[in-house]
Structures are given as C-alpha cells and as structure tokens.
Amino acid sequence: MPAPIVFIDIVGPELPRQAAFYREVFGWEIGAGGDFAVPATSPMRGVLRVEDPKDNPAAERVLYLGVADINATLASISAHGGNTVLPRLEVPGVAILGLFTDPAGNRMGLVEMDGDKAKVPKAP
C-alpha cells in the first residue's frame, strides 16, 4: 500500500498573517495555534508554524490546491499578500494549473476543478 499524505506543515515568519491568508483565500479554518484540517480524500491534518527568519528556513512546499477558478484565486492571492509564480496554464490531457507564493514565500500550486474532479483540457 502506498504511503498516504497525513499532515501538511506550512512555514512562515508570523502566524497571524499566514492564517489570515489561508482563511481568506481558501476558506480554511485556522486555530489559534495554527492547526487546521482541509478536505482531501479523507481529512488531512496540518499546522502553520513559525520559524525564525535568521535560521534560513526552507520555503519550498509544493502542494496543489483544487479551486473552481484559477484566475479568480490568483487575484485573491494577490489581494491577500501572495504572488503569482505561474499564471493559469492549460496542460492538454493533464490539468489546468497555476503556481503562487503565499505571504511567507512558500510556493504552492493550484489545480482548476470541475466539482470534485480536475479539469483536463483536451489533448491536441
């Protein structure tokens, strides 16, 4: 049996800003200590935690979040302190993707969804 993903750990220098970003952009409910749970095949536990910037924390966690509209989500990300890394991109036969960074610089991805399934553009 393949190993399941059982936890998400997203690092940032200040918890309130990170929590507000994920709450406002993705509708995640973030607890006072940074704990959260998001829907997945089954609930996936996670936490936002703080690392001292002087320790040069790694900011590379590429998780792909399913959203209904990548362009609208990237606009919301920008309005809440994040940045677009890769605008909406249709990968024929695969998915519609985008990449962004959150306010702490963590790079993550977006997959455009049609209900509970990824939208897959027709291959040429």
Protein backbone atom coordinates (compact mmCIF):
# COMPACT_ATOMS: atom_id res chain seq x y z
CA MET A 1 0.00 0.00 0.00
CA PRO A 2 1.39 3.45 -0.88
CA ALA A 3 2.14 5.81 1.98
CA PRO A 4 -0.70 8.32 2.42
CA ILE A 5 -0.16 12.02 2.97
CA VAL A 6 -1.21 12.53 6.57
CA PHE A 7 -0.04 16.03 7.52
CA ILE A 8 0.68 19.44 5.99
CA ASP A 9 3.35 21.69 7.51
CA ILE A 10 3.45 25.26 6.13
CA VAL A 11 6.17 27.56 7.48
CA GLY A 12 6.04 31.33 7.83
CA PRO A 13 7.63 34.05 9.96
CA GLU A 14 4.35 35.18 11.55
CA LEU A 15 1.31 33.04 12.24
CA PRO A 16 -1.45 35.70 12.12
CA ARG A 17 -0.61 36.81 8.56
CA GLN A 18 -0.28 33.23 7.29
CA ALA A 19 -3.53 32.19 8.99
CA ALA A 20 -5.39 35.17 7.56
CA PHE A 21 -4.09 34.42 4.05
CA TYR A 22 -5.27 30.79 4.03
CA ARG A 23 -8.52 31.68 5.78
CA GLU A 24 -9.40 34.48 3.34
CA VAL A 25 -8.17 32.92 0.08
CA PHE A 26 -9.04 29.25 0.60
CA GLY A 27 -11.66 29.30 3.36
CA TRP A 28 -9.56 27.20 5.72
CA GLU A 29 -10.44 27.38 9.41
CA ILE A 30 -7.18 28.06 11.25
CA GLY A 31 -6.98 27.51 15.02
CA ALA A 32 -5.25 29.91 17.40
CA GLY A 33 -2.12 27.71 17.41
CA GLY A 34 -2.03 27.36 13.62
CA ASP A 35 -3.76 23.96 13.46
CA PHE A 36 -6.12 23.26 10.56
CA ALA A 37 -7.79 20.43 8.69
CA VAL A 38 -8.68 20.58 4.98
CA PRO A 39 -10.78 18.28 2.83
CA ALA A 40 -8.94 15.62 0.85
CA THR A 41 -9.68 12.02 0.00
CA SER A 42 -10.02 11.85 3.75
CA PRO A 43 -9.31 14.79 6.13
CA MET A 44 -5.65 15.82 6.10
CA ARG A 45 -4.26 17.37 9.28
CA GLY A 46 -1.89 20.31 9.15
CA VAL A 47 -0.36 23.20 11.01
CA LEU A 48 1.02 26.62 10.19
CA ARG A 49 4.16 27.16 12.25
CA VAL A 50 6.71 29.87 12.77
CA GLU A 51 10.44 29.60 12.04
CA ASP A 52 12.90 32.36 12.80
CA PRO A 53 13.99 34.03 9.52
CA LYS A 54 17.56 34.12 10.88
CA ASP A 55 17.59 30.30 10.60
CA ASN A 56 17.08 30.50 6.81
CA PRO A 57 14.02 28.24 6.78
CA ALA A 58 13.22 26.35 3.60
CA ALA A 59 10.15 27.83 1.90
CA GLU A 60 9.58 25.07 -0.68
CA ARG A 61 6.42 23.06 -0.18
CA VAL A 62 4.54 22.48 -3.39
CA LEU A 63 1.04 21.40 -2.53
CA TYR A 64 -1.63 21.64 -5.19
CA LEU A 65 -4.97 23.01 -4.02
CA GLY A 66 -8.13 22.43 -6.02
CA VAL A 67 -10.08 25.59 -6.90
CA ALA A 68 -13.01 26.38 -9.18
CA ASP A 69 -11.33 29.31 -10.97
CA ILE A 70 -7.55 29.74 -11.03
CA ASN A 71 -7.67 33.31 -12.35
CA ALA A 72 -10.05 34.44 -9.58
CA THR A 73 -7.99 32.59 -6.97
CA LEU A 74 -4.73 34.19 -8.17
CA ALA A 75 -6.42 37.61 -7.93
CA SER A 76 -7.47 36.82 -4.34
CA ILE A 77 -3.97 35.54 -3.54
CA SER A 78 -2.51 38.82 -4.79
CA ALA A 79 -5.04 40.86 -2.79
CA HIS A 80 -4.07 38.99 0.39
CA GLY A 81 -0.28 39.34 0.17
CA GLY A 82 0.70 36.41 -2.06
CA ASN A 83 2.16 36.45 -5.57
CA THR A 84 1.59 34.65 -8.85
CA VAL A 85 4.54 32.48 -9.92
CA LEU A 86 2.88 30.84 -12.94
CA PRO A 87 -0.42 32.16 -14.31
CA ARG A 88 -3.19 29.80 -15.38
CA LEU A 89 -1.72 27.19 -17.71
CA GLU A 90 -3.63 24.52 -19.60
CA VAL A 91 -1.64 21.31 -19.90
CA PRO A 92 -3.51 19.30 -22.55
CA GLY A 93 -4.52 15.85 -21.35
CA VAL A 94 -3.29 16.59 -17.81
CA ALA A 95 -4.84 19.53 -15.93
CA ILE A 96 -5.16 23.31 -15.70
CA LEU A 97 -2.51 24.60 -13.30
CA GLY A 98 -1.15 27.73 -11.68
CA LEU A 99 1.60 28.41 -9.13
CA PHE A 100 1.73 31.02 -6.38
CA THR A 101 3.65 32.00 -3.28
CA ASP A 102 1.95 32.74 0.00
CA PRO A 103 2.96 35.80 2.09
CA ALA A 104 5.89 33.81 3.58
CA GLY A 105 7.22 32.78 0.15
CA ASN A 106 6.02 29.16 0.22
CA ARG A 107 5.44 28.05 -3.37
CA MET A 108 2.25 26.12 -3.99
CA GLY A 109 0.12 25.10 -6.88
CA LEU A 110 -3.47 25.33 -7.98
CA VAL A 111 -5.48 22.84 -10.00
CA GLU A 112 -8.69 24.03 -11.61
CA MET A 113 -11.57 21.77 -10.61
CA ASP A 114 -14.95 20.85 -12.04
CA GLY A 115 -16.77 19.75 -8.92
CA ASP A 116 -14.59 17.10 -7.29
CA LYS A 117 -12.51 16.32 -10.40
CA ALA A 118 -9.65 18.22 -12.04
CA LYS A 119 -10.50 19.89 -15.34
CA VAL A 120 -8.49 18.19 -18.08
CA PRO A 121 -8.09 20.14 -21.35
CA LYS A 122 -8.33 18.04 -24.50
CA ALA A 123 -5.04 16.87 -25.91
CA PRO A 124 -4.28 18.17 -29.44
